[in-house]
């Protein structure tokens, strides 16, 4: 930041988000001497980059250090797999025989109108209303830099509401 201001007289960033240290699962500082260092390349090869990223982002609480827990990364790998399976279900069923033109018409460009909403079946109305609540809440959290809270709400909605309830009821 300081060099950017020195060279251009303009700050390169409007906001800088500082997070705490990434610590071992027990809260101690990672140290090669202690042998509690987590190699990110090994973690990515075992659990995947998405689960590691999601664990780090949702583990953030402003002003707190981040304990890196392999159980949480494993759970987030299961979440990434659940999300993949949801997408696979939708594309393999609801979008199976749709041509390119019809697929483009399904794109969401804003909130659904009341008239269209009222024509939907009860499960669709429920999940759409929950999705709107989620978007509002997560947007508010992100604007306040509450990334952990935002990630947890997305996790709970996708796992509990969308995957376990809506997709199951639609089968």
N, C-alpha and C. Protein backbone atom coordinates (compact mmCIF):
# COMPACT_ATOMS: atom_id res chain seq x y z
N UNK A 1 0.83 -1.18 0.00
CA UNK A 1 0.00 0.00 0.00
C UNK A 1 0.88 1.25 0.00
N UNK A 2 1.86 1.24 0.89
CA UNK A 2 2.71 2.42 1.02
C UNK A 2 3.48 2.70 -0.27
N UNK A 3 3.98 1.65 -0.91
CA UNK A 3 4.72 1.84 -2.16
C UNK A 3 3.78 2.32 -3.26
N UNK A 4 2.56 1.79 -3.29
CA UNK A 4 1.58 2.24 -4.28
C UNK A 4 1.28 3.72 -4.13
N UNK A 5 1.10 4.15 -2.89
CA UNK A 5 0.84 5.58 -2.64
C UNK A 5 2.06 6.41 -3.03
N UNK A 6 3.25 5.92 -2.70
CA UNK A 6 4.49 6.66 -3.02
C UNK A 6 4.67 6.81 -4.52
N UNK A 7 4.39 5.76 -5.27
CA UNK A 7 4.64 5.79 -6.72
C UNK A 7 3.52 6.43 -7.52
N UNK A 8 2.27 6.29 -7.06
CA UNK A 8 1.15 6.76 -7.87
C UNK A 8 0.29 7.83 -7.20
N UNK A 9 0.57 8.12 -5.95
CA UNK A 9 -0.23 9.04 -5.14
C UNK A 9 -1.67 8.55 -4.94
N UNK A 10 -1.91 7.27 -5.20
CA UNK A 10 -3.24 6.68 -5.04
C UNK A 10 -3.08 5.36 -4.29
N UNK A 11 -3.93 5.14 -3.32
CA UNK A 11 -3.91 3.86 -2.62
C UNK A 11 -4.40 2.76 -3.56
N UNK A 12 -3.67 1.64 -3.66
CA UNK A 12 -4.10 0.58 -4.59
C UNK A 12 -5.33 -0.18 -4.11
N UNK A 13 -5.69 -0.04 -2.84
CA UNK A 13 -6.84 -0.75 -2.29
C UNK A 13 -7.70 0.20 -1.47
N UNK A 14 -9.00 -0.02 -1.52
CA UNK A 14 -9.90 0.75 -0.66
C UNK A 14 -10.02 0.09 0.70
N UNK A 15 -9.96 -1.25 0.71
CA UNK A 15 -10.11 -2.00 1.95
C UNK A 15 -9.01 -3.07 1.99
N UNK A 16 -8.41 -3.22 3.14
CA UNK A 16 -7.44 -4.30 3.35
C UNK A 16 -7.99 -5.16 4.47
N UNK A 17 -8.15 -6.44 4.19
CA UNK A 17 -8.67 -7.37 5.19
C UNK A 17 -7.50 -8.13 5.78
N UNK A 18 -7.26 -7.93 7.05
CA UNK A 18 -6.19 -8.64 7.75
C UNK A 18 -6.82 -9.76 8.58
N UNK A 19 -6.28 -10.94 8.44
CA UNK A 19 -6.78 -12.06 9.24
C UNK A 19 -5.69 -12.52 10.20
N UNK A 20 -6.07 -13.32 11.14
CA UNK A 20 -5.12 -13.82 12.12
C UNK A 20 -4.22 -14.89 11.53
N UNK A 21 -3.36 -15.44 12.37
CA UNK A 21 -2.48 -16.53 11.96
C UNK A 21 -3.28 -17.80 11.71
N UNK A 22 -2.80 -18.59 10.78
CA UNK A 22 -3.35 -19.94 10.62
C UNK A 22 -2.57 -20.81 11.59
N UNK A 23 -3.27 -21.38 12.55
CA UNK A 23 -2.64 -22.16 13.62
C UNK A 23 -2.96 -23.64 13.48
N UNK A 24 -2.26 -24.45 14.25
CA UNK A 24 -2.53 -25.88 14.30
C UNK A 24 -3.91 -26.10 14.92
N UNK A 25 -4.45 -27.29 14.77
CA UNK A 25 -5.81 -27.59 15.25
C UNK A 25 -5.97 -27.35 16.74
N UNK A 26 -4.90 -27.54 17.52
CA UNK A 26 -4.99 -27.32 18.97
C UNK A 26 -4.79 -25.86 19.37
N UNK A 27 -4.62 -24.98 18.40
CA UNK A 27 -4.49 -23.55 18.68
C UNK A 27 -3.07 -23.06 18.84
N UNK A 28 -2.10 -23.98 18.84
CA UNK A 28 -0.71 -23.58 18.97
C UNK A 28 -0.18 -23.11 17.63
N UNK A 29 0.87 -22.30 17.69
CA UNK A 29 1.49 -21.80 16.47
C UNK A 29 2.16 -22.96 15.74
N UNK A 30 1.99 -23.01 14.43
CA UNK A 30 2.62 -24.08 13.65
C UNK A 30 4.13 -23.89 13.68
N UNK A 31 4.83 -25.00 13.84
CA UNK A 31 6.28 -24.95 13.95
C UNK A 31 6.87 -26.26 13.43
N UNK A 32 7.90 -26.15 12.60
CA UNK A 32 8.57 -27.37 12.12
C UNK A 32 9.18 -28.12 13.29
N UNK A 33 9.68 -27.39 14.28
CA UNK A 33 10.28 -28.02 15.45
C UNK A 33 9.26 -28.87 16.20
N UNK A 34 8.04 -28.36 16.35
CA UNK A 34 6.98 -29.11 17.03
C UNK A 34 6.42 -30.22 16.14
N UNK A 35 6.63 -30.09 14.84
CA UNK A 35 6.12 -31.09 13.91
C UNK A 35 4.64 -30.96 13.64
N UNK A 36 4.08 -29.78 13.86
CA UNK A 36 2.64 -29.61 13.65
C UNK A 36 2.32 -28.74 12.43
N UNK A 37 3.27 -28.65 11.51
CA UNK A 37 3.06 -27.86 10.30
C UNK A 37 2.21 -28.67 9.31
N UNK A 38 1.24 -28.01 8.71
CA UNK A 38 0.39 -28.65 7.71
C UNK A 38 0.88 -28.19 6.34
N UNK A 39 1.28 -29.15 5.51
CA UNK A 39 1.73 -28.83 4.17
C UNK A 39 0.50 -28.61 3.29
N UNK A 40 0.32 -27.40 2.76
CA UNK A 40 -0.88 -27.15 1.95
C UNK A 40 -0.96 -28.02 0.69
N UNK A 41 0.19 -28.39 0.12
CA UNK A 41 0.16 -29.23 -1.08
C UNK A 41 -0.35 -30.63 -0.75
N UNK A 42 0.08 -31.17 0.40
CA UNK A 42 -0.43 -32.48 0.82
C UNK A 42 -1.92 -32.40 1.13
N UNK A 43 -2.33 -31.32 1.77
CA UNK A 43 -3.74 -31.13 2.13
C UNK A 43 -4.59 -31.04 0.87
N UNK A 44 -4.12 -30.29 -0.12
CA UNK A 44 -4.86 -30.15 -1.39
C UNK A 44 -4.94 -31.49 -2.10
N UNK A 45 -3.85 -32.26 -2.10
CA UNK A 45 -3.90 -33.54 -2.81
C UNK A 45 -4.82 -34.54 -2.11
N UNK A 46 -4.94 -34.45 -0.77
CA UNK A 46 -5.81 -35.37 -0.05
C UNK A 46 -7.27 -34.93 -0.02
N UNK A 47 -7.51 -33.63 0.19
CA UNK A 47 -8.88 -33.14 0.39
C UNK A 47 -9.39 -32.27 -0.75
N UNK A 48 -8.51 -31.73 -1.56
CA UNK A 48 -8.90 -30.84 -2.65
C UNK A 48 -8.75 -29.38 -2.26
N UNK A 49 -8.48 -28.55 -3.24
CA UNK A 49 -8.25 -27.12 -3.00
C UNK A 49 -9.52 -26.42 -2.52
N UNK A 50 -10.67 -26.83 -3.03
CA UNK A 50 -11.92 -26.16 -2.65
C UNK A 50 -12.22 -26.34 -1.16
N UNK A 51 -12.02 -27.55 -0.65
CA UNK A 51 -12.30 -27.78 0.77
C UNK A 51 -11.32 -27.03 1.65
N UNK A 52 -10.06 -26.92 1.25
CA UNK A 52 -9.09 -26.15 2.02
C UNK A 52 -9.44 -24.66 2.00
N UNK A 53 -9.73 -24.13 0.83
CA UNK A 53 -10.11 -22.71 0.72
C UNK A 53 -11.35 -22.41 1.55
N UNK A 54 -12.36 -23.25 1.41
CA UNK A 54 -13.61 -23.03 2.13
C UNK A 54 -13.38 -23.10 3.65
N UNK A 55 -12.55 -24.04 4.08
CA UNK A 55 -12.24 -24.15 5.51
C UNK A 55 -11.55 -22.90 6.03
N UNK A 56 -10.62 -22.37 5.26
CA UNK A 56 -9.91 -21.17 5.69
C UNK A 56 -10.83 -19.96 5.71
N UNK A 57 -11.67 -19.82 4.70
CA UNK A 57 -12.56 -18.66 4.62
C UNK A 57 -13.62 -18.71 5.71
N UNK A 58 -14.22 -19.89 5.92
CA UNK A 58 -15.28 -19.97 6.92
C UNK A 58 -14.73 -20.05 8.34
N UNK A 59 -13.45 -20.31 8.47
CA UNK A 59 -12.84 -20.35 9.79
C UNK A 59 -12.41 -18.98 10.29
N UNK A 60 -12.60 -17.97 9.49
CA UNK A 60 -12.14 -16.61 9.82
C UNK A 60 -13.16 -15.90 10.70
N UNK A 61 -12.68 -15.41 11.82
CA UNK A 61 -13.44 -14.51 12.67
C UNK A 61 -12.56 -13.29 12.85
N UNK A 62 -13.06 -12.10 12.50
CA UNK A 62 -12.20 -10.91 12.61
C UNK A 62 -11.55 -10.80 13.98
N UNK A 63 -10.24 -10.59 13.97
CA UNK A 63 -9.49 -10.42 15.20
C UNK A 63 -9.05 -11.72 15.85
N UNK A 64 -9.37 -12.86 15.25
CA UNK A 64 -9.02 -14.16 15.83
C UNK A 64 -8.11 -14.93 14.90
N UNK A 65 -7.29 -15.80 15.46
CA UNK A 65 -6.48 -16.71 14.66
C UNK A 65 -7.35 -17.83 14.12
N UNK A 66 -6.85 -18.53 13.11
CA UNK A 66 -7.62 -19.58 12.44
C UNK A 66 -7.01 -20.94 12.78
N UNK A 67 -7.68 -21.77 13.57
CA UNK A 67 -7.16 -23.12 13.81
C UNK A 67 -7.47 -24.00 12.59
N UNK A 68 -6.43 -24.60 12.02
CA UNK A 68 -6.60 -25.43 10.82
C UNK A 68 -6.84 -26.87 11.27
N UNK A 69 -8.08 -27.30 11.19
CA UNK A 69 -8.51 -28.60 11.68
C UNK A 69 -8.78 -29.52 10.50
N UNK A 70 -8.08 -30.66 10.45
CA UNK A 70 -8.24 -31.60 9.34
C UNK A 70 -9.64 -32.20 9.30
N UNK A 71 -10.29 -32.34 10.46
CA UNK A 71 -11.66 -32.85 10.48
C UNK A 71 -12.61 -31.88 9.77
N UNK A 72 -12.38 -30.58 9.98
CA UNK A 72 -13.21 -29.57 9.31
C UNK A 72 -12.96 -29.58 7.80
N UNK A 73 -11.70 -29.77 7.41
CA UNK A 73 -11.38 -29.83 5.98
C UNK A 73 -12.04 -31.06 5.36
N UNK A 74 -12.01 -32.18 6.07
CA UNK A 74 -12.67 -33.40 5.57
C UNK A 74 -14.18 -33.19 5.45
N UNK A 75 -14.77 -32.52 6.44
CA UNK A 75 -16.22 -32.23 6.36
C UNK A 75 -16.52 -31.31 5.19
N UNK A 76 -15.64 -30.35 4.92
CA UNK A 76 -15.85 -29.44 3.79
C UNK A 76 -15.60 -30.13 2.46
N UNK A 77 -14.80 -31.18 2.46
CA UNK A 77 -14.66 -32.00 1.25
C UNK A 77 -15.99 -32.69 0.96
N UNK A 78 -16.64 -33.19 2.03
CA UNK A 78 -17.95 -33.81 1.87
C UNK A 78 -18.97 -32.79 1.38
N UNK A 79 -18.85 -31.55 1.86
CA UNK A 79 -19.75 -30.48 1.41
C UNK A 79 -19.54 -30.19 -0.07
N UNK A 80 -18.28 -30.11 -0.50
CA UNK A 80 -17.99 -29.88 -1.92
C UNK A 80 -18.55 -31.02 -2.77
N UNK A 81 -18.44 -32.24 -2.26
CA UNK A 81 -18.98 -33.40 -2.96
C UNK A 81 -20.51 -33.33 -3.02
N UNK A 82 -21.14 -32.90 -1.93
CA UNK A 82 -22.60 -32.75 -1.89
C UNK A 82 -23.05 -31.72 -2.93
N UNK A 83 -22.32 -30.61 -2.99
CA UNK A 83 -22.62 -29.56 -3.97
C UNK A 83 -22.48 -30.09 -5.39
N UNK A 84 -21.43 -30.86 -5.64
CA UNK A 84 -21.21 -31.48 -6.95
C UNK A 84 -22.38 -32.39 -7.30
N UNK A 85 -22.79 -33.21 -6.35
CA UNK A 85 -23.89 -34.13 -6.60
C UNK A 85 -25.21 -33.40 -6.84
N UNK A 86 -25.42 -32.28 -6.16
CA UNK A 86 -26.62 -31.47 -6.41
C UNK A 86 -26.63 -30.98 -7.85
N UNK A 87 -25.51 -30.45 -8.28
CA UNK A 87 -25.40 -29.95 -9.66
C UNK A 87 -25.60 -31.08 -10.67
N UNK A 88 -25.02 -32.22 -10.37
CA UNK A 88 -25.15 -33.39 -11.24
C UNK A 88 -26.62 -33.83 -11.33
N UNK A 89 -27.31 -33.80 -10.20
CA UNK A 89 -28.73 -34.18 -10.19
C UNK A 89 -29.55 -33.22 -11.04
N UNK A 90 -29.34 -31.93 -10.86
CA UNK A 90 -30.11 -30.92 -11.60
C UNK A 90 -29.83 -31.03 -13.10
N UNK A 91 -28.55 -31.10 -13.48
CA UNK A 91 -28.22 -31.17 -14.91
C UNK A 91 -28.64 -32.50 -15.52
N UNK A 92 -28.64 -33.57 -14.73
CA UNK A 92 -29.02 -34.87 -15.25
C UNK A 92 -30.52 -35.12 -15.28
N UNK A 93 -31.28 -34.29 -14.60
CA UNK A 93 -32.73 -34.49 -14.53
C UNK A 93 -33.50 -33.29 -15.08
N UNK A 94 -33.52 -32.20 -14.35
CA UNK A 94 -34.32 -31.04 -14.75
C UNK A 94 -33.83 -30.40 -16.03
N UNK A 95 -32.54 -30.44 -16.28
CA UNK A 95 -31.98 -29.78 -17.47
C UNK A 95 -31.57 -30.79 -18.55
N UNK A 96 -31.97 -32.03 -18.39
CA UNK A 96 -31.51 -33.12 -19.25
C UNK A 96 -31.80 -32.91 -20.74
N UNK A 97 -33.02 -32.60 -21.07
CA UNK A 97 -33.41 -32.53 -22.49
C UNK A 97 -33.69 -31.11 -22.96
N UNK A 98 -33.06 -30.13 -22.31
CA UNK A 98 -33.30 -28.73 -22.67
C UNK A 98 -32.29 -28.28 -23.72
N UNK A 99 -32.80 -27.59 -24.75
CA UNK A 99 -31.89 -27.07 -25.77
C UNK A 99 -31.24 -25.76 -25.28
N UNK A 100 -30.26 -25.30 -26.02
CA UNK A 100 -29.46 -24.12 -25.64
C UNK A 100 -30.31 -22.87 -25.46
N UNK A 101 -31.27 -22.67 -26.31
CA UNK A 101 -32.14 -21.49 -26.24
C UNK A 101 -32.97 -21.50 -24.95
N UNK A 102 -33.57 -22.64 -24.66
CA UNK A 102 -34.39 -22.76 -23.46
C UNK A 102 -33.54 -22.63 -22.19
N UNK A 103 -32.31 -23.15 -22.25
CA UNK A 103 -31.39 -23.06 -21.12
C UNK A 103 -31.06 -21.60 -20.81
N UNK A 104 -30.84 -20.81 -21.86
CA UNK A 104 -30.55 -19.38 -21.67
C UNK A 104 -31.74 -18.66 -21.04
N UNK A 105 -32.94 -19.07 -21.38
CA UNK A 105 -34.13 -18.41 -20.84
C UNK A 105 -34.32 -18.69 -19.35
N UNK A 106 -33.67 -19.71 -18.82
CA UNK A 106 -33.79 -20.06 -17.40
C UNK A 106 -32.86 -19.24 -16.52
N UNK A 107 -31.98 -18.46 -17.13
CA UNK A 107 -31.04 -17.65 -16.35
C UNK A 107 -31.74 -16.69 -15.41
N UNK A 108 -31.17 -16.50 -14.24
CA UNK A 108 -31.73 -15.61 -13.24
C UNK A 108 -31.06 -14.26 -13.36
N UNK A 109 -31.86 -13.22 -13.55
CA UNK A 109 -31.29 -11.87 -13.67
C UNK A 109 -31.75 -10.96 -12.53
N UNK A 110 -32.59 -11.48 -11.66
CA UNK A 110 -33.10 -10.69 -10.54
C UNK A 110 -34.13 -11.49 -9.78
N UNK A 111 -34.73 -10.89 -8.77
CA UNK A 111 -35.75 -11.60 -8.00
C UNK A 111 -36.95 -11.97 -8.88
N UNK A 112 -37.58 -13.06 -8.52
CA UNK A 112 -38.76 -13.51 -9.25
C UNK A 112 -39.93 -12.58 -8.92
N UNK A 113 -40.76 -12.31 -9.91
CA UNK A 113 -41.93 -11.46 -9.71
C UNK A 113 -43.02 -12.19 -8.94
N UNK A 114 -43.88 -11.43 -8.28
CA UNK A 114 -44.95 -12.02 -7.45
C UNK A 114 -45.89 -12.89 -8.28
N UNK A 115 -46.24 -12.43 -9.50
CA UNK A 115 -47.16 -13.21 -10.34
C UNK A 115 -46.56 -14.57 -10.69
N UNK A 116 -45.30 -14.57 -11.10
CA UNK A 116 -44.64 -15.83 -11.45
C UNK A 116 -44.46 -16.70 -10.20
N UNK A 117 -44.10 -16.08 -9.09
CA UNK A 117 -43.89 -16.79 -7.83
C UNK A 117 -45.16 -17.52 -7.40
N UNK A 118 -46.31 -16.84 -7.54
CA UNK A 118 -47.59 -17.42 -7.11
C UNK A 118 -48.01 -18.62 -7.95
N UNK A 119 -47.48 -18.75 -9.17
CA UNK A 119 -47.84 -19.88 -10.02
C UNK A 119 -47.03 -21.14 -9.70
N UNK A 120 -45.98 -21.01 -8.90
CA UNK A 120 -45.12 -22.15 -8.59
C UNK A 120 -45.76 -23.05 -7.53
N UNK A 121 -45.32 -24.30 -7.54
CA UNK A 121 -45.77 -25.26 -6.52
C UNK A 121 -45.17 -24.86 -5.17
N UNK A 122 -45.77 -25.36 -4.09
CA UNK A 122 -45.34 -25.01 -2.73
C UNK A 122 -43.85 -25.28 -2.47
N UNK A 123 -43.29 -26.44 -2.85
CA UNK A 123 -41.86 -26.65 -2.59
C UNK A 123 -40.97 -25.62 -3.28
N UNK A 124 -41.31 -25.25 -4.51
CA UNK A 124 -40.53 -24.24 -5.23
C UNK A 124 -40.65 -22.87 -4.57
N UNK A 125 -41.86 -22.52 -4.15
CA UNK A 125 -42.04 -21.23 -3.46
C UNK A 125 -41.22 -21.20 -2.17
N UNK A 126 -41.23 -22.30 -1.44
CA UNK A 126 -40.49 -22.37 -0.19
C UNK A 126 -38.99 -22.20 -0.43
N UNK A 127 -38.43 -22.96 -1.37
CA UNK A 127 -36.97 -22.92 -1.56
C UNK A 127 -36.54 -21.58 -2.14
N UNK A 128 -37.35 -20.99 -2.99
CA UNK A 128 -37.02 -19.67 -3.54
C UNK A 128 -37.06 -18.61 -2.45
N UNK A 129 -38.05 -18.67 -1.58
CA UNK A 129 -38.13 -17.68 -0.50
C UNK A 129 -36.94 -17.85 0.45
N UNK A 130 -36.55 -19.09 0.74
CA UNK A 130 -35.38 -19.33 1.59
C UNK A 130 -34.10 -18.86 0.90
N UNK A 131 -34.04 -19.02 -0.40
CA UNK A 131 -32.87 -18.57 -1.16
C UNK A 131 -32.76 -17.04 -1.13
N UNK A 132 -33.89 -16.36 -1.26
CA UNK A 132 -33.89 -14.89 -1.18
C UNK A 132 -33.43 -14.43 0.21
N UNK A 133 -33.92 -15.09 1.25
CA UNK A 133 -33.48 -14.75 2.61
C UNK A 133 -31.98 -14.98 2.75
N UNK A 134 -31.49 -16.08 2.19
CA UNK A 134 -30.06 -16.39 2.25
C UNK A 134 -29.22 -15.32 1.55
N UNK A 135 -29.63 -14.94 0.36
CA UNK A 135 -28.87 -13.92 -0.40
C UNK A 135 -28.81 -12.62 0.38
N UNK A 136 -29.92 -12.21 0.95
CA UNK A 136 -29.95 -10.97 1.73
C UNK A 136 -29.02 -11.05 2.94
N UNK A 137 -29.10 -12.15 3.66
CA UNK A 137 -28.31 -12.33 4.87
C UNK A 137 -26.82 -12.45 4.57
N UNK A 138 -26.47 -13.23 3.56
CA UNK A 138 -25.06 -13.43 3.19
C UNK A 138 -24.47 -12.14 2.65
N UNK A 139 -25.22 -11.41 1.85
CA UNK A 139 -24.75 -10.13 1.34
C UNK A 139 -24.42 -9.18 2.50
N UNK A 140 -25.29 -9.14 3.48
CA UNK A 140 -25.07 -8.30 4.66
C UNK A 140 -23.80 -8.73 5.40
N UNK A 141 -23.62 -10.05 5.57
CA UNK A 141 -22.42 -10.55 6.24
C UNK A 141 -21.15 -10.20 5.48
N UNK A 142 -21.17 -10.37 4.17
CA UNK A 142 -19.98 -10.07 3.37
C UNK A 142 -19.66 -8.58 3.42
N UNK A 143 -20.68 -7.74 3.36
CA UNK A 143 -20.44 -6.30 3.44
C UNK A 143 -19.85 -5.90 4.79
N UNK A 144 -20.11 -6.70 5.83
CA UNK A 144 -19.54 -6.44 7.16
C UNK A 144 -18.25 -7.24 7.38
N UNK A 145 -17.77 -7.93 6.34
CA UNK A 145 -16.56 -8.75 6.40
C UNK A 145 -16.69 -9.90 7.39
N UNK A 146 -17.89 -10.41 7.56
CA UNK A 146 -18.16 -11.57 8.40
C UNK A 146 -18.17 -12.80 7.50
N UNK A 147 -17.01 -13.14 6.95
CA UNK A 147 -16.92 -14.20 5.95
C UNK A 147 -17.26 -15.57 6.52
N UNK A 148 -16.86 -15.82 7.75
CA UNK A 148 -17.18 -17.09 8.38
C UNK A 148 -18.67 -17.30 8.52
N UNK A 149 -19.36 -16.27 8.97
CA UNK A 149 -20.82 -16.36 9.13
C UNK A 149 -21.50 -16.55 7.78
N UNK A 150 -21.03 -15.84 6.76
CA UNK A 150 -21.61 -15.98 5.42
C UNK A 150 -21.41 -17.39 4.89
N UNK A 151 -20.21 -17.92 5.04
CA UNK A 151 -19.93 -19.28 4.57
C UNK A 151 -20.75 -20.32 5.30
N UNK A 152 -20.93 -20.14 6.60
CA UNK A 152 -21.72 -21.09 7.38
C UNK A 152 -23.18 -21.08 6.95
N UNK A 153 -23.72 -19.91 6.65
CA UNK A 153 -25.12 -19.83 6.19
C UNK A 153 -25.30 -20.51 4.84
N UNK A 154 -24.33 -20.33 3.96
CA UNK A 154 -24.40 -21.00 2.65
C UNK A 154 -24.36 -22.51 2.84
N UNK A 155 -23.44 -22.96 3.68
CA UNK A 155 -23.31 -24.39 3.98
C UNK A 155 -24.63 -24.95 4.50
N UNK A 156 -25.21 -24.30 5.51
CA UNK A 156 -26.45 -24.79 6.11
C UNK A 156 -27.60 -24.81 5.11
N UNK A 157 -27.70 -23.76 4.29
CA UNK A 157 -28.78 -23.72 3.29
C UNK A 157 -28.62 -24.83 2.27
N UNK A 158 -27.42 -24.94 1.68
CA UNK A 158 -27.23 -25.93 0.63
C UNK A 158 -27.37 -27.36 1.15
N UNK A 159 -26.85 -27.60 2.35
CA UNK A 159 -26.90 -28.97 2.87
C UNK A 159 -28.30 -29.30 3.41
N UNK A 160 -28.81 -28.47 4.31
CA UNK A 160 -30.04 -28.80 5.02
C UNK A 160 -31.31 -28.51 4.21
N UNK A 161 -31.36 -27.35 3.57
CA UNK A 161 -32.58 -26.95 2.86
C UNK A 161 -32.61 -27.50 1.43
N UNK A 162 -31.56 -27.18 0.68
CA UNK A 162 -31.58 -27.50 -0.75
C UNK A 162 -31.35 -28.99 -1.01
N UNK A 163 -30.24 -29.53 -0.53
CA UNK A 163 -29.90 -30.92 -0.85
C UNK A 163 -30.78 -31.92 -0.10
N UNK A 164 -30.83 -31.78 1.21
CA UNK A 164 -31.54 -32.79 2.00
C UNK A 164 -33.05 -32.66 1.95
N UNK A 165 -33.56 -31.47 1.68
CA UNK A 165 -35.01 -31.33 1.65
C UNK A 165 -35.53 -31.18 0.23
N UNK A 166 -35.12 -30.12 -0.47
CA UNK A 166 -35.72 -29.79 -1.77
C UNK A 166 -35.41 -30.87 -2.83
N UNK A 167 -34.15 -31.24 -2.94
CA UNK A 167 -33.82 -32.25 -3.97
C UNK A 167 -34.49 -33.58 -3.63
N UNK A 168 -34.48 -33.95 -2.37
CA UNK A 168 -35.12 -35.22 -1.99
C UNK A 168 -36.62 -35.21 -2.27
N UNK A 169 -37.28 -34.08 -2.00
CA UNK A 169 -38.73 -34.00 -2.25
C UNK A 169 -39.03 -33.97 -3.76
N UNK A 170 -38.08 -33.49 -4.54
CA UNK A 170 -38.31 -33.40 -5.98
C UNK A 170 -38.07 -34.73 -6.71
N UNK A 171 -37.47 -35.69 -6.01
CA UNK A 171 -37.22 -37.01 -6.62
C UNK A 171 -38.51 -37.72 -6.73
